[in-house]
Protein backbone atom coordinates (compact mmCIF):
# COMPACT_ATOMS: atom_id res chain seq x y z
CA MET A 1 0.00 0.00 0.00
CA LYS A 2 2.87 2.33 0.85
CA TYR A 3 4.42 1.59 -2.55
CA LEU A 4 1.15 2.39 -4.35
CA PHE A 5 0.77 5.67 -2.44
CA THR A 6 4.37 6.67 -3.27
CA CYS A 7 3.83 5.93 -6.98
CA PHE A 8 0.59 7.93 -6.97
CA LEU A 9 2.29 10.86 -5.22
CA LEU A 10 5.24 10.87 -7.65
CA CYS A 11 2.96 10.70 -10.69
CA SER A 12 0.81 13.52 -9.30
CA LEU A 13 3.85 15.70 -8.73
CA LEU A 14 5.23 14.88 -12.14
CA PHE A 15 2.06 15.79 -14.03
CA SER A 16 0.97 18.75 -11.93
CA GLY A 17 4.40 20.33 -11.61
CA CYS A 18 5.18 20.42 -15.29
CA GLU A 19 3.46 23.23 -17.06
CA SER A 20 3.86 23.11 -20.76
CA ALA A 21 5.11 26.51 -21.75
CA SER A 22 4.13 27.20 -25.30
CA PRO A 23 7.35 27.79 -27.19
CA LYS A 24 7.88 31.18 -28.73
CA PRO A 25 7.67 30.94 -32.50
CA GLU A 26 10.84 31.37 -34.49
CA TYR A 27 10.51 33.72 -37.42
CA SER A 28 12.54 33.40 -40.59
CA THR A 29 14.36 36.28 -42.23
CA GLY A 30 11.79 38.34 -44.09
CA GLN A 31 9.01 37.66 -41.58
CA GLY A 32 7.63 40.20 -39.14
CA VAL A 33 9.09 43.63 -38.42
CA GLU A 34 12.80 43.88 -39.18
CA ILE A 35 15.42 46.58 -39.62
CA TYR A 36 17.92 46.30 -42.47
CA LEU A 37 20.97 48.47 -43.06
CA ALA A 38 21.77 49.93 -46.45
CA LYS A 39 24.66 48.08 -48.14
CA GLN A 40 26.58 51.31 -48.51
CA VAL A 41 26.80 54.00 -45.88
CA ASN A 42 24.15 56.40 -47.16
CA SER A 43 24.41 59.51 -45.02
CA TYR A 44 21.57 61.97 -44.51
CA LYS A 45 21.29 64.52 -47.31
CA TRP A 46 19.41 67.77 -46.75
CA ASP A 47 17.99 67.97 -50.27
CA ILE A 48 16.04 64.67 -50.05
CA ASP A 49 12.51 64.32 -48.67
CA TYR A 50 12.82 60.92 -47.01
CA SER A 51 9.05 60.63 -46.53
CA GLN A 52 8.75 60.48 -50.35
CA LEU A 53 11.80 58.34 -51.10
CA ASN A 54 11.28 55.21 -53.23
CA LEU A 55 12.56 52.66 -50.71
CA ASP A 56 12.91 49.97 -53.39
CA THR A 57 15.89 51.88 -54.83
CA ILE A 58 17.95 51.31 -51.67
CA GLN A 59 20.22 48.26 -51.73
CA LEU A 60 19.97 46.49 -48.39
CA GLN A 61 22.24 44.03 -46.63
CA THR A 62 21.01 40.44 -46.88
CA LYS A 63 20.79 39.85 -43.12
CA PRO A 64 18.70 42.13 -40.91
CA PHE A 65 20.42 44.45 -38.46
CA LEU A 66 17.53 43.65 -36.11
CA SER A 67 15.46 40.51 -36.71
CA TYR A 68 11.89 39.93 -35.58
CA ASN A 69 13.10 37.24 -33.16
CA GLN A 70 15.18 39.91 -31.39
CA ILE A 71 12.17 42.17 -30.79
CA LYS A 72 10.42 41.22 -27.56
CA SER A 73 7.93 44.10 -27.60
CA TYR A 74 7.28 47.56 -29.02
CA ASN A 75 5.63 50.51 -27.30
CA PRO A 76 4.03 52.82 -29.89
CA ASP A 77 3.50 55.60 -27.33
CA ASN A 78 7.23 56.23 -26.87
CA ASN A 79 8.50 54.35 -29.95
CA THR A 80 10.74 52.05 -27.94
CA ALA A 81 11.47 48.44 -28.81
CA THR A 82 12.44 46.11 -25.98
CA LEU A 83 14.86 43.56 -27.35
CA THR A 84 15.70 39.99 -26.40
CA ILE A 85 19.39 40.85 -26.69
CA PRO A 86 21.52 43.66 -25.21
CA LEU A 87 22.05 46.69 -27.43
CA SER A 88 25.77 45.95 -27.39
CA GLN A 89 25.12 42.91 -29.61
CA LEU A 90 23.75 45.05 -32.44
CA SER A 91 26.56 45.35 -34.92
CA GLY A 92 27.48 45.31 -38.57
CA PHE A 93 27.31 49.00 -39.28
CA GLN A 94 29.57 51.98 -39.67
CA THR A 95 28.28 55.43 -38.95
CA SER A 96 29.33 58.93 -39.74
CA VAL A 97 28.06 62.06 -38.01
CA HIS A 98 25.30 62.10 -40.65
CA GLY A 99 24.29 58.50 -39.98
CA HIS A 100 23.97 55.14 -41.73
CA MET A 101 20.65 54.53 -43.47
CA PHE A 102 18.34 51.74 -42.31
CA VAL A 103 14.99 50.51 -43.63
CA VAL A 104 12.15 49.05 -41.53
CA THR A 105 10.25 46.21 -43.19
CA VAL A 106 7.09 44.24 -42.42
CA ASP A 107 7.08 40.76 -43.95
CA GLY A 108 9.66 41.94 -46.47
CA LYS A 109 7.70 45.05 -47.51
CA ARG A 110 9.65 48.26 -46.98
CA GLN A 111 7.87 50.75 -44.70
CA TYR A 112 10.22 53.65 -43.99
CA CYS A 113 13.86 54.59 -43.71
CA GLY A 114 15.89 56.35 -41.07
CA PHE A 115 19.46 56.74 -39.90
CA ILE A 116 21.62 55.23 -37.18
CA GLN A 117 23.66 58.09 -35.82
CA PRO A 118 26.39 58.24 -33.18
CA LEU A 119 25.11 59.77 -29.96
CA TYR A 120 28.12 62.06 -29.85
CA SER A 121 27.27 63.57 -33.26
CA SER A 122 26.55 67.27 -33.27
CA ALA A 123 24.72 67.01 -36.61
CA TYR A 124 20.95 67.43 -36.37
CA LEU A 125 19.05 65.07 -38.67
CA PRO A 126 15.42 66.18 -39.11
CA TRP A 127 14.13 62.67 -39.75
CA ILE A 128 13.98 59.27 -38.03
CA VAL A 129 17.06 58.45 -35.99
CA ILE A 130 18.30 55.56 -33.87
CA ASN A 131 21.27 56.52 -31.74
CA GLU A 132 24.18 54.13 -32.06
CA PRO A 133 24.36 52.05 -28.86
CA LEU A 134 27.18 53.04 -26.54
CA GLU A 135 29.45 50.55 -24.79
CA ALA A 136 28.08 51.83 -21.46
CA GLU A 137 24.62 50.70 -22.52
CA GLY A 138 25.90 47.16 -22.87
CA LYS A 139 23.09 45.44 -20.98
CA ASP A 140 20.32 47.87 -21.90
CA LYS A 141 17.65 46.24 -24.06
CA ASN A 142 15.55 49.29 -25.01
CA LEU A 143 16.01 50.71 -28.49
CA LYS A 144 14.48 54.16 -28.94
CA ILE A 145 13.46 55.32 -32.42
CA HIS A 146 13.43 59.13 -32.52
CA PHE A 147 11.53 61.38 -34.93
CA ASN A 148 13.25 64.75 -35.22
CA SER A 149 10.73 66.66 -37.26
CA GLN A 150 8.02 69.25 -36.82
CA ALA A 151 5.94 67.52 -39.51
CA ALA A 152 4.17 65.04 -37.22
CA ASN A 153 1.77 64.04 -40.00
CA GLN A 154 4.73 62.50 -41.85
CA ASP A 155 5.80 60.29 -38.93
CA PRO A 156 5.71 56.71 -40.29
CA ARG A 157 6.94 54.88 -37.17
CA ASN A 158 3.49 53.67 -36.11
CA ASN A 159 1.98 52.95 -39.48
CA PRO A 160 -0.93 50.47 -39.38
CA GLU A 161 0.96 47.59 -41.05
CA ILE A 162 3.67 47.69 -38.39
CA ILE A 163 1.23 47.97 -35.48
CA GLU A 164 -1.07 45.22 -36.83
CA ARG A 165 1.80 42.77 -37.27
CA LEU A 166 3.19 43.44 -33.79
CA GLN A 167 -0.28 43.11 -32.28
CA LYS A 168 -0.97 39.86 -34.17
CA ASP A 169 2.14 38.30 -32.63
CA GLY A 170 1.61 39.66 -29.10
CA LYS A 171 4.58 42.03 -29.30
CA LEU A 172 2.70 45.31 -28.88
CA ASP A 173 2.97 47.09 -25.51
CA LYS A 174 0.10 49.34 -24.60
């Protein structure tokens, strides 16, 4: 009887103590919201209206700078992405004071461009900017996407395709 009780207790603990955590889906390159760098360092130019730029003319690197798997969540109120990796692991780019162009995509469709710019740069870029992560921010996982423009109606950071995809996958913070 003692043996039967022990077996029952062990089986109960085994089945009740193991919660099956649903695994997070893995997304392939080209799925979800991703950020790609331009193949060449395209710096900000004052005579270009980046809200009207044909994004298909920009040659992009083959691997994303930031993949959808690396985005844990996105807060549209302050345009901050919380990543699954530290900012210090983002690499593969060279910047000048006028930035290195990037393009945000949703399922491979180009949405908008911006520039990664060193934080120490004194150049003001009146468009979308991500400040290059500093070594001191090594463990920080929040990536802020700035919009330096007075033309708020041209701000593409929270366009419906981006928000809908993030919401569909449970990555939207509200």
